[in-house]
């Protein structure tokens, strides 16, 4: 009986702690375009598309990066995302992009990839899986952007998508980078066509 009470109190303490750290989370999600929840020095933002700021949040990650961007994509054809990556390259950010080989054979995807390669951004395609369905960015080895959002025009304007950004989370970023490096090693260099 005493052990059951201790477990109950322990569970209750965790619930109180979660409520303190993440106050009114569901209300924030329902009432805000982008909600930010502070967790020490780290923070979380999220947004949705087509009309609730998802692309703007992805652009915020790219536009605020200062040293590196590692992007993994399933579908990649967004002129807006390409322009932001090209601007980041001009700022001196080290960028590498990895995309699914089969999904990015359409002319709009090839145009996007060609623009990156022509600007000196290394791009690889990966075909060793049924699909490379990853969709994330690791920025500055500290921040992770993840979610269902493809880096495509449709994701921004037509699809129901989600984006979450975990700012200043170097341990999480290291895990995503390890996964990204593994997939990069299995990819092949994309040549401008």
N, C-alpha and C. Protein backbone atom coordinates (compact mmCIF):
# COMPACT_ATOMS: atom_id res chain seq x y z
N UNK A 1 0.82 -1.18 0.00
CA UNK A 1 0.00 0.00 0.00
C UNK A 1 0.87 1.26 0.00
N UNK A 2 1.90 1.26 0.85
CA UNK A 2 2.79 2.41 0.94
C UNK A 2 3.49 2.65 -0.40
N UNK A 3 3.90 1.57 -1.07
CA UNK A 3 4.56 1.69 -2.37
C UNK A 3 3.61 2.28 -3.40
N UNK A 4 2.34 1.90 -3.38
CA UNK A 4 1.35 2.43 -4.31
C UNK A 4 1.14 3.92 -4.10
N UNK A 5 1.12 4.35 -2.86
CA UNK A 5 0.96 5.78 -2.56
C UNK A 5 2.18 6.55 -3.05
N UNK A 6 3.40 5.98 -2.83
CA UNK A 6 4.62 6.64 -3.31
C UNK A 6 4.59 6.78 -4.84
N UNK A 7 4.17 5.74 -5.55
CA UNK A 7 4.07 5.80 -7.01
C UNK A 7 3.05 6.85 -7.45
N UNK A 8 1.93 6.87 -6.75
CA UNK A 8 0.89 7.85 -7.06
C UNK A 8 1.40 9.27 -6.86
N UNK A 9 2.07 9.52 -5.73
CA UNK A 9 2.61 10.85 -5.46
C UNK A 9 3.70 11.21 -6.45
N UNK A 10 4.53 10.25 -6.81
CA UNK A 10 5.57 10.50 -7.80
C UNK A 10 4.95 10.90 -9.14
N UNK A 11 3.92 10.19 -9.56
CA UNK A 11 3.22 10.52 -10.80
C UNK A 11 2.56 11.88 -10.72
N UNK A 12 1.96 12.19 -9.57
CA UNK A 12 1.33 13.49 -9.37
C UNK A 12 2.37 14.60 -9.44
N UNK A 13 3.55 14.37 -8.85
CA UNK A 13 4.64 15.36 -8.88
C UNK A 13 5.07 15.62 -10.31
N UNK A 14 5.19 14.59 -11.11
CA UNK A 14 5.55 14.76 -12.52
C UNK A 14 4.50 15.57 -13.26
N UNK A 15 3.23 15.31 -12.99
CA UNK A 15 2.15 16.06 -13.64
C UNK A 15 2.19 17.53 -13.26
N UNK A 16 2.43 17.81 -11.98
CA UNK A 16 2.53 19.20 -11.53
C UNK A 16 3.73 19.88 -12.18
N UNK A 17 4.85 19.17 -12.24
CA UNK A 17 6.05 19.73 -12.87
C UNK A 17 5.78 20.02 -14.34
N UNK A 18 5.15 19.10 -15.04
CA UNK A 18 4.84 19.31 -16.45
C UNK A 18 3.91 20.49 -16.64
N UNK A 19 2.91 20.61 -15.76
CA UNK A 19 1.99 21.74 -15.86
C UNK A 19 2.70 23.06 -15.59
N UNK A 20 3.70 23.04 -14.73
CA UNK A 20 4.46 24.25 -14.44
C UNK A 20 5.36 24.62 -15.61
N UNK A 21 6.01 23.63 -16.21
CA UNK A 21 6.93 23.89 -17.32
C UNK A 21 6.17 24.23 -18.59
N UNK A 22 5.05 23.57 -18.85
CA UNK A 22 4.28 23.75 -20.08
C UNK A 22 2.88 24.28 -19.78
N UNK A 23 2.75 25.48 -19.26
CA UNK A 23 1.42 25.99 -18.88
C UNK A 23 0.52 26.18 -20.08
N UNK A 24 -0.72 25.73 -19.92
CA UNK A 24 -1.77 25.97 -20.92
C UNK A 24 -1.30 25.67 -22.34
N UNK A 25 -0.56 24.59 -22.52
CA UNK A 25 -0.01 24.25 -23.83
C UNK A 25 -1.12 24.10 -24.86
N UNK A 26 -2.17 23.39 -24.52
CA UNK A 26 -3.24 23.19 -25.49
C UNK A 26 -3.93 24.51 -25.83
N UNK A 27 -4.07 25.39 -24.87
CA UNK A 27 -4.68 26.70 -25.14
C UNK A 27 -3.78 27.52 -26.06
N UNK A 28 -2.47 27.44 -25.86
CA UNK A 28 -1.53 28.15 -26.74
C UNK A 28 -1.67 27.65 -28.16
N UNK A 29 -1.72 26.33 -28.32
CA UNK A 29 -1.80 25.76 -29.66
C UNK A 29 -3.09 26.17 -30.35
N UNK A 30 -4.18 26.26 -29.60
CA UNK A 30 -5.45 26.62 -30.20
C UNK A 30 -5.55 28.10 -30.53
N UNK A 31 -4.85 28.94 -29.78
CA UNK A 31 -5.04 30.37 -29.91
C UNK A 31 -3.86 31.13 -30.51
N UNK A 32 -2.76 30.48 -30.84
CA UNK A 32 -1.58 31.20 -31.32
C UNK A 32 -1.07 30.59 -32.61
N UNK A 33 -0.58 31.45 -33.50
CA UNK A 33 0.02 30.98 -34.75
C UNK A 33 1.30 30.22 -34.44
N UNK A 34 2.14 30.77 -33.59
CA UNK A 34 3.37 30.13 -33.16
C UNK A 34 3.45 30.27 -31.66
N UNK A 35 3.59 29.17 -30.97
CA UNK A 35 3.70 29.21 -29.52
C UNK A 35 5.14 28.92 -29.14
N UNK A 36 5.65 29.63 -28.20
CA UNK A 36 7.00 29.41 -27.70
C UNK A 36 6.89 29.03 -26.23
N UNK A 37 7.54 27.94 -25.86
CA UNK A 37 7.56 27.49 -24.49
C UNK A 37 9.00 27.43 -24.03
N UNK A 38 9.34 28.18 -23.03
CA UNK A 38 10.72 28.21 -22.54
C UNK A 38 11.01 26.97 -21.71
N UNK A 39 12.17 26.39 -21.93
CA UNK A 39 12.65 25.26 -21.14
C UNK A 39 14.10 25.59 -20.83
N UNK A 40 14.37 26.27 -19.75
CA UNK A 40 15.73 26.72 -19.45
C UNK A 40 16.19 27.65 -20.55
N UNK A 41 17.37 27.37 -21.12
CA UNK A 41 17.91 28.19 -22.21
C UNK A 41 17.32 27.77 -23.55
N UNK A 42 16.66 26.65 -23.58
CA UNK A 42 16.09 26.13 -24.81
C UNK A 42 14.65 26.63 -24.97
N UNK A 43 14.14 26.53 -26.20
CA UNK A 43 12.74 26.88 -26.42
C UNK A 43 12.19 26.05 -27.57
N UNK A 44 10.87 26.02 -27.64
CA UNK A 44 10.17 25.27 -28.68
C UNK A 44 9.18 26.20 -29.36
N UNK A 45 9.15 26.13 -30.69
CA UNK A 45 8.14 26.84 -31.46
C UNK A 45 7.48 25.85 -32.40
N UNK A 46 6.23 26.08 -32.71
CA UNK A 46 5.55 25.24 -33.69
C UNK A 46 4.61 26.08 -34.52
N UNK A 47 4.29 25.56 -35.69
CA UNK A 47 3.37 26.24 -36.60
C UNK A 47 2.79 25.21 -37.55
N UNK A 48 1.78 25.65 -38.31
CA UNK A 48 1.07 24.75 -39.21
C UNK A 48 0.92 25.41 -40.58
N UNK A 49 0.62 24.59 -41.57
CA UNK A 49 0.30 25.13 -42.89
C UNK A 49 -1.02 24.48 -43.32
N UNK A 50 -1.69 25.07 -44.29
CA UNK A 50 -1.14 26.04 -45.24
C UNK A 50 -1.20 27.49 -44.78
N UNK A 51 -1.92 27.80 -43.73
CA UNK A 51 -2.16 29.22 -43.44
C UNK A 51 -1.84 29.61 -42.00
N UNK A 52 -0.89 28.93 -41.40
CA UNK A 52 -0.64 29.23 -40.00
C UNK A 52 0.86 29.30 -39.67
N UNK A 53 1.68 29.77 -40.63
CA UNK A 53 3.05 30.12 -40.35
C UNK A 53 4.12 29.06 -40.46
N UNK A 54 3.82 27.88 -41.01
CA UNK A 54 4.82 26.81 -41.07
C UNK A 54 6.04 27.20 -41.90
N UNK A 55 5.80 27.71 -43.10
CA UNK A 55 6.95 28.08 -43.94
C UNK A 55 7.75 29.21 -43.29
N UNK A 56 7.07 30.16 -42.69
CA UNK A 56 7.77 31.27 -42.02
C UNK A 56 8.67 30.77 -40.91
N UNK A 57 8.24 29.74 -40.19
CA UNK A 57 9.06 29.18 -39.12
C UNK A 57 10.29 28.46 -39.68
N UNK A 58 10.12 27.73 -40.77
CA UNK A 58 11.27 27.09 -41.43
C UNK A 58 12.25 28.16 -41.89
N UNK A 59 11.72 29.23 -42.49
CA UNK A 59 12.58 30.33 -42.96
C UNK A 59 13.31 30.99 -41.79
N UNK A 60 12.66 31.09 -40.65
CA UNK A 60 13.30 31.66 -39.46
C UNK A 60 14.52 30.85 -39.07
N UNK A 61 14.40 29.53 -39.13
CA UNK A 61 15.55 28.66 -38.80
C UNK A 61 16.69 28.92 -39.78
N UNK A 62 16.38 28.94 -41.06
CA UNK A 62 17.42 29.16 -42.08
C UNK A 62 18.02 30.55 -41.93
N UNK A 63 17.18 31.55 -41.79
CA UNK A 63 17.63 32.94 -41.77
C UNK A 63 18.41 33.32 -40.52
N UNK A 64 18.23 32.58 -39.43
CA UNK A 64 18.96 32.89 -38.20
C UNK A 64 20.19 32.01 -38.01
N UNK A 65 20.41 31.07 -38.90
CA UNK A 65 21.60 30.21 -38.78
C UNK A 65 22.85 31.04 -39.06
N UNK A 66 23.93 30.70 -38.36
CA UNK A 66 25.17 31.46 -38.52
C UNK A 66 26.36 30.62 -38.96
N UNK A 67 26.33 29.31 -38.70
CA UNK A 67 27.51 28.50 -39.04
C UNK A 67 27.20 27.32 -39.95
N UNK A 68 26.11 26.60 -39.71
CA UNK A 68 25.87 25.40 -40.53
C UNK A 68 24.39 25.07 -40.62
N UNK A 69 24.05 24.45 -41.75
CA UNK A 69 22.71 23.90 -41.97
C UNK A 69 22.89 22.54 -42.61
N UNK A 70 22.24 21.54 -42.02
CA UNK A 70 22.15 20.21 -42.62
C UNK A 70 20.67 19.95 -42.81
N UNK A 71 20.26 19.79 -44.06
CA UNK A 71 18.85 19.63 -44.40
C UNK A 71 18.64 18.24 -44.99
N UNK A 72 17.62 17.55 -44.50
CA UNK A 72 17.21 16.25 -45.03
C UNK A 72 15.77 16.41 -45.51
N UNK A 73 15.51 15.99 -46.75
CA UNK A 73 14.18 16.23 -47.33
C UNK A 73 13.68 15.04 -48.12
N UNK A 74 12.38 14.92 -48.13
CA UNK A 74 11.71 13.99 -49.04
C UNK A 74 11.43 14.73 -50.34
N UNK A 75 10.60 15.74 -50.29
CA UNK A 75 10.28 16.55 -51.47
C UNK A 75 10.93 17.92 -51.32
N UNK A 76 11.64 18.35 -52.35
CA UNK A 76 12.36 19.62 -52.27
C UNK A 76 12.18 20.38 -53.57
N UNK A 77 11.36 21.45 -53.52
CA UNK A 77 11.17 22.27 -54.72
C UNK A 77 10.72 23.70 -54.42
N UNK A 78 10.78 24.12 -53.17
CA UNK A 78 10.29 25.43 -52.79
C UNK A 78 11.24 26.54 -53.21
N UNK A 79 10.81 27.44 -54.10
CA UNK A 79 11.66 28.57 -54.47
C UNK A 79 11.99 29.45 -53.27
N UNK A 80 11.08 29.57 -52.32
CA UNK A 80 11.31 30.39 -51.13
C UNK A 80 12.41 29.79 -50.25
N UNK A 81 12.36 28.48 -50.05
CA UNK A 81 13.38 27.80 -49.25
C UNK A 81 14.73 27.87 -49.97
N UNK A 82 14.73 27.66 -51.30
CA UNK A 82 15.96 27.75 -52.07
C UNK A 82 16.57 29.13 -51.91
N UNK A 83 15.77 30.17 -52.05
CA UNK A 83 16.28 31.54 -51.94
C UNK A 83 16.89 31.78 -50.55
N UNK A 84 16.24 31.29 -49.51
CA UNK A 84 16.76 31.46 -48.15
C UNK A 84 18.09 30.72 -47.98
N UNK A 85 18.19 29.52 -48.53
CA UNK A 85 19.45 28.77 -48.45
C UNK A 85 20.56 29.48 -49.21
N UNK A 86 20.25 30.04 -50.38
CA UNK A 86 21.25 30.77 -51.15
C UNK A 86 21.71 32.01 -50.39
N UNK A 87 20.79 32.69 -49.73
CA UNK A 87 21.16 33.85 -48.90
C UNK A 87 22.05 33.43 -47.73
N UNK A 88 21.71 32.30 -47.11
CA UNK A 88 22.52 31.80 -46.00
C UNK A 88 23.93 31.46 -46.49
N UNK A 89 24.02 30.86 -47.65
CA UNK A 89 25.34 30.54 -48.24
C UNK A 89 26.16 31.83 -48.42
N UNK A 90 25.51 32.89 -48.90
CA UNK A 90 26.20 34.18 -49.08
C UNK A 90 26.67 34.76 -47.74
N UNK A 91 25.98 34.44 -46.64
CA UNK A 91 26.37 34.89 -45.30
C UNK A 91 27.52 34.06 -44.75
N UNK A 92 27.91 33.00 -45.47
CA UNK A 92 29.00 32.16 -45.02
C UNK A 92 28.58 30.92 -44.27
N UNK A 93 27.30 30.60 -44.28
CA UNK A 93 26.81 29.39 -43.61
C UNK A 93 27.19 28.16 -44.44
N UNK A 94 27.74 27.16 -43.79
CA UNK A 94 28.10 25.89 -44.43
C UNK A 94 26.82 25.05 -44.56
N UNK A 95 26.41 24.79 -45.80
CA UNK A 95 25.12 24.12 -46.06
C UNK A 95 25.35 22.84 -46.84
N UNK A 96 24.64 21.80 -46.45
CA UNK A 96 24.58 20.55 -47.20
C UNK A 96 23.13 20.08 -47.21
N UNK A 97 22.70 19.55 -48.37
CA UNK A 97 21.30 19.15 -48.54
C UNK A 97 21.26 17.71 -49.04
N UNK A 98 20.40 16.91 -48.41
CA UNK A 98 20.20 15.51 -48.77
C UNK A 98 18.72 15.29 -49.08
N UNK A 99 18.42 14.72 -50.25
CA UNK A 99 17.02 14.53 -50.66
C UNK A 99 16.78 13.12 -51.19
N UNK A 100 15.53 12.72 -51.17
CA UNK A 100 15.11 11.45 -51.74
C UNK A 100 15.35 11.47 -53.25
N UNK A 101 15.96 10.43 -53.77
CA UNK A 101 16.32 10.39 -55.20
C UNK A 101 15.08 10.29 -56.09
N UNK A 102 14.15 9.42 -55.75
CA UNK A 102 13.00 9.19 -56.63
C UNK A 102 12.03 10.36 -56.63
N UNK A 103 11.79 10.95 -55.49
CA UNK A 103 10.78 12.01 -55.36
C UNK A 103 11.21 13.31 -56.05
N UNK A 104 12.49 13.50 -56.26
CA UNK A 104 12.98 14.78 -56.75
C UNK A 104 13.47 14.72 -58.19
N UNK A 105 12.76 13.95 -59.02
CA UNK A 105 13.09 13.86 -60.44
C UNK A 105 12.21 14.76 -61.31
N UNK A 106 11.26 15.44 -60.70
CA UNK A 106 10.40 16.36 -61.45
C UNK A 106 11.18 17.63 -61.78
N UNK A 107 10.72 18.34 -62.80
CA UNK A 107 11.47 19.51 -63.26
C UNK A 107 11.59 20.59 -62.19
N UNK A 108 10.55 20.80 -61.37
CA UNK A 108 10.66 21.85 -60.35
C UNK A 108 11.65 21.47 -59.25
N UNK A 109 11.74 20.19 -58.93
CA UNK A 109 12.73 19.74 -57.94
C UNK A 109 14.13 19.83 -58.51
N UNK A 110 14.30 19.43 -59.76
CA UNK A 110 15.62 19.50 -60.37
C UNK A 110 16.08 20.96 -60.49
N UNK A 111 15.17 21.87 -60.80
CA UNK A 111 15.53 23.29 -60.86
C UNK A 111 16.00 23.78 -59.50
N UNK A 112 15.32 23.38 -58.43
CA UNK A 112 15.71 23.78 -57.08
C UNK A 112 17.09 23.22 -56.72
N UNK A 113 17.29 21.94 -57.00
CA UNK A 113 18.58 21.31 -56.69
C UNK A 113 19.70 21.91 -57.53
N UNK A 114 19.41 22.17 -58.81
CA UNK A 114 20.41 22.79 -59.69
C UNK A 114 20.86 24.14 -59.15
N UNK A 115 19.92 24.93 -58.65
CA UNK A 115 20.26 26.25 -58.11
C UNK A 115 21.22 26.12 -56.93
N UNK A 116 20.99 25.13 -56.08
CA UNK A 116 21.87 24.92 -54.94
C UNK A 116 23.27 24.50 -55.39
N UNK A 117 23.33 23.51 -56.28
CA UNK A 117 24.62 23.00 -56.76
C UNK A 117 25.40 24.11 -57.47
N UNK A 118 24.72 24.88 -58.28
CA UNK A 118 25.39 25.96 -59.01
C UNK A 118 25.93 27.05 -58.08
N UNK A 119 25.36 27.15 -56.89
CA UNK A 119 25.84 28.11 -55.89
C UNK A 119 26.94 27.51 -55.00
N UNK A 120 27.31 26.26 -55.26
CA UNK A 120 28.36 25.62 -54.48
C UNK A 120 27.89 24.91 -53.23
N UNK A 121 26.60 24.64 -53.14
CA UNK A 121 26.05 23.91 -52.00
C UNK A 121 26.05 22.42 -52.34
N UNK A 122 26.75 21.60 -51.56
CA UNK A 122 26.75 20.16 -51.82
C UNK A 122 25.35 19.56 -51.64
N UNK A 123 24.93 18.78 -52.61
CA UNK A 123 23.63 18.11 -52.59
C UNK A 123 23.86 16.64 -52.91
N UNK A 124 23.21 15.79 -52.17
CA UNK A 124 23.23 14.35 -52.46
C UNK A 124 21.79 13.85 -52.51
N UNK A 125 21.61 12.83 -53.33
CA UNK A 125 20.34 12.11 -53.37
C UNK A 125 20.56 10.74 -52.75
N UNK A 126 19.51 10.21 -52.15
CA UNK A 126 19.61 8.91 -51.50
C UNK A 126 18.50 8.00 -52.02
N UNK A 127 18.89 6.78 -52.41
CA UNK A 127 17.94 5.84 -53.01
C UNK A 127 18.01 4.46 -52.37
N UNK A 128 18.71 4.31 -51.26
CA UNK A 128 18.87 2.98 -50.66
C UNK A 128 17.67 2.54 -49.83
N UNK A 129 16.72 3.43 -49.61
CA UNK A 129 15.50 3.10 -48.87
C UNK A 129 14.31 3.18 -49.82
N UNK A 130 13.21 2.55 -49.45
CA UNK A 130 11.99 2.65 -50.27
C UNK A 130 11.66 4.12 -50.51
N UNK A 131 11.83 4.92 -49.46
CA UNK A 131 11.77 6.38 -49.59
C UNK A 131 12.58 7.00 -48.47
N UNK A 132 13.25 8.09 -48.77
CA UNK A 132 13.95 8.87 -47.75
C UNK A 132 12.95 9.93 -47.31
N UNK A 133 12.20 9.61 -46.27
CA UNK A 133 11.05 10.42 -45.87
C UNK A 133 11.38 11.39 -44.74
N UNK A 134 12.66 11.55 -44.45
CA UNK A 134 13.07 12.51 -43.42
C UNK A 134 12.79 13.92 -43.89
N UNK A 135 12.44 14.79 -42.93
CA UNK A 135 12.15 16.20 -43.21
C UNK A 135 12.63 16.99 -42.01
N UNK A 136 13.88 17.41 -42.03
CA UNK A 136 14.39 18.16 -40.90
C UNK A 136 15.61 19.00 -41.29
N UNK A 137 15.86 19.98 -40.45
CA UNK A 137 17.05 20.81 -40.56
C UNK A 137 17.74 20.80 -39.21
N UNK A 138 19.06 20.68 -39.24
CA UNK A 138 19.87 20.91 -38.04
C UNK A 138 20.67 22.18 -38.33
N UNK A 139 20.45 23.20 -37.52
CA UNK A 139 21.12 24.49 -37.70
C UNK A 139 22.12 24.74 -36.58
N UNK A 140 23.32 25.09 -36.98
CA UNK A 140 24.37 25.50 -36.02
C UNK A 140 24.67 24.45 -34.97
N UNK A 141 24.41 23.20 -35.28
CA UNK A 141 24.65 22.07 -34.38
C UNK A 141 23.94 22.24 -33.03
N UNK A 142 22.87 23.05 -33.02
CA UNK A 142 22.16 23.33 -31.77
C UNK A 142 20.64 23.25 -31.89
N UNK A 143 20.13 23.50 -33.09
CA UNK A 143 18.69 23.67 -33.27
C UNK A 143 18.19 22.65 -34.28
N UNK A 144 17.02 22.07 -34.00
CA UNK A 144 16.41 21.08 -34.88
C UNK A 144 15.03 21.56 -35.30
N UNK A 145 14.79 21.61 -36.60
CA UNK A 145 13.46 21.84 -37.16
C UNK A 145 12.99 20.51 -37.70
N UNK A 146 11.78 20.11 -37.35
CA UNK A 146 11.26 18.81 -37.74
C UNK A 146 9.76 18.93 -37.98
N UNK A 147 9.15 17.89 -38.46
CA UNK A 147 7.71 17.86 -38.68
C UNK A 147 7.38 17.24 -40.02
N UNK A 148 6.13 17.37 -40.41
CA UNK A 148 5.67 16.78 -41.67
C UNK A 148 5.97 17.66 -42.87
N UNK A 149 6.36 18.90 -42.63
CA UNK A 149 6.53 19.90 -43.68
C UNK A 149 7.61 19.50 -44.67
N UNK A 150 7.20 19.26 -45.93
CA UNK A 150 8.14 19.07 -47.02
C UNK A 150 8.62 20.45 -47.47
N UNK A 151 9.81 20.52 -47.98
CA UNK A 151 10.36 21.80 -48.45
C UNK A 151 9.87 22.02 -49.87
N UNK A 152 8.55 22.21 -49.96
CA UNK A 152 7.89 22.32 -51.27
C UNK A 152 6.86 23.43 -51.25
N UNK A 153 6.52 23.89 -52.43
CA UNK A 153 5.49 24.93 -52.54
C UNK A 153 4.15 24.41 -52.03
N UNK A 154 3.82 23.16 -52.35
CA UNK A 154 2.55 22.58 -51.89
C UNK A 154 2.46 22.53 -50.37
N UNK A 155 3.58 22.22 -49.71
CA UNK A 155 3.57 22.16 -48.25
C UNK A 155 3.22 23.52 -47.65
N UNK A 156 3.67 24.57 -48.30
CA UNK A 156 3.43 25.92 -47.79
C UNK A 156 2.04 26.45 -48.14
N UNK A 157 1.50 26.04 -49.30
CA UNK A 157 0.28 26.68 -49.80
C UNK A 157 -0.95 25.78 -49.88
N UNK A 158 -0.77 24.46 -49.89
CA UNK A 158 -1.90 23.57 -50.13
C UNK A 158 -2.11 22.50 -49.08
N UNK A 159 -1.04 21.94 -48.56
CA UNK A 159 -1.12 20.78 -47.67
C UNK A 159 -1.36 21.17 -46.22
N UNK A 160 -1.93 20.26 -45.48
CA UNK A 160 -1.99 20.39 -44.02
C UNK A 160 -0.69 19.80 -43.49
N UNK A 161 0.15 20.65 -42.90
CA UNK A 161 1.49 20.24 -42.46
C UNK A 161 1.76 20.83 -41.08
N UNK A 162 2.83 20.36 -40.46
CA UNK A 162 3.25 20.90 -39.17
C UNK A 162 4.76 21.05 -39.13
N UNK A 163 5.21 22.01 -38.33
CA UNK A 163 6.62 22.27 -38.12
C UNK A 163 6.83 22.47 -36.63
N UNK A 164 7.88 21.88 -36.10
CA UNK A 164 8.29 22.14 -34.73
C UNK A 164 9.78 22.47 -34.75
N UNK A 165 10.16 23.48 -34.00
CA UNK A 165 11.57 23.86 -33.88
C UNK A 165 11.97 23.77 -32.43
N UNK A 166 13.03 23.05 -32.19
CA UNK A 166 13.59 22.91 -30.85
C UNK A 166 14.90 23.69 -30.84
N UNK A 167 14.83 24.92 -30.34
CA UNK A 167 15.97 25.84 -30.34
C UNK A 167 16.92 25.50 -29.21
N UNK A 168 18.22 25.64 -29.49
CA UNK A 168 19.26 25.50 -28.47
C UNK A 168 19.17 24.18 -27.71
N UNK A 169 19.14 23.11 -28.48
CA UNK A 169 19.08 21.76 -27.92
C UNK A 169 20.24 20.95 -28.51
N UNK A 170 21.49 21.21 -28.09
CA UNK A 170 22.64 20.57 -28.72
C UNK A 170 22.66 19.04 -28.62
N UNK A 171 22.13 18.47 -27.56
CA UNK A 171 22.11 17.01 -27.44
C UNK A 171 21.18 16.41 -28.49
N UNK A 172 20.01 16.98 -28.63
CA UNK A 172 19.08 16.52 -29.66
C UNK A 172 19.67 16.75 -31.05
N UNK A 173 20.27 17.92 -31.26
CA UNK A 173 20.88 18.23 -32.56
C UNK A 173 21.97 17.22 -32.90
N UNK A 174 22.76 16.81 -31.91
CA UNK A 174 23.82 15.83 -32.15
C UNK A 174 23.24 14.50 -32.62
N UNK A 175 22.12 14.10 -32.04
CA UNK A 175 21.47 12.86 -32.46
C UNK A 175 20.98 12.96 -33.91
N UNK A 176 20.34 14.08 -34.25
CA UNK A 176 19.88 14.27 -35.62
C UNK A 176 21.06 14.35 -36.58
N UNK A 177 22.15 14.99 -36.17
CA UNK A 177 23.33 15.07 -37.03
C UNK A 177 23.94 13.69 -37.28
N UNK A 178 23.94 12.85 -36.27
CA UNK A 178 24.45 11.49 -36.43
C UNK A 178 23.61 10.74 -37.48
N UNK A 179 22.30 10.88 -37.38
CA UNK A 179 21.40 10.25 -38.36
C UNK A 179 21.65 10.85 -39.75
N UNK A 180 21.77 12.18 -39.81
CA UNK A 180 21.99 12.86 -41.08
C UNK A 180 23.31 12.40 -41.71
N UNK A 181 24.38 12.33 -40.94
CA UNK A 181 25.68 11.89 -41.47
C UNK A 181 25.61 10.47 -42.01
N UNK A 182 24.88 9.59 -41.32
CA UNK A 182 24.72 8.22 -41.80
C UNK A 182 24.04 8.21 -43.17
N UNK A 183 22.97 8.98 -43.30
CA UNK A 183 22.25 9.02 -44.58
C UNK A 183 23.07 9.72 -45.66
N UNK A 184 23.79 10.76 -45.30
CA UNK A 184 24.65 11.46 -46.26
C UNK A 184 25.68 10.49 -46.84
N UNK A 185 26.22 9.63 -45.97
CA UNK A 185 27.20 8.64 -46.41
C UNK A 185 26.63 7.62 -47.38
N UNK A 186 25.33 7.45 -47.38
CA UNK A 186 24.67 6.50 -48.28
C UNK A 186 24.16 7.17 -49.56
N UNK A 187 24.29 8.49 -49.62
CA UNK A 187 23.81 9.23 -50.78
C UNK A 187 24.86 9.33 -51.87
N UNK A 188 24.42 9.83 -53.02
CA UNK A 188 25.35 10.07 -54.15
C UNK A 188 25.24 11.55 -54.53
N UNK A 189 26.36 12.10 -54.96
CA UNK A 189 26.41 13.51 -55.31
C UNK A 189 25.44 13.80 -56.46
N UNK A 190 24.70 14.88 -56.30
CA UNK A 190 23.78 15.35 -57.35
C UNK A 190 24.56 16.29 -58.26
N UNK A 191 24.50 16.01 -59.55
CA UNK A 191 25.14 16.88 -60.53
C UNK A 191 24.07 17.72 -61.20
N UNK A 192 24.38 19.00 -61.37
CA UNK A 192 23.43 19.92 -62.02
C UNK A 192 23.08 19.40 -63.40
N UNK A 193 21.78 19.44 -63.73
CA UNK A 193 21.31 18.92 -65.03
C UNK A 193 20.69 20.01 -65.85
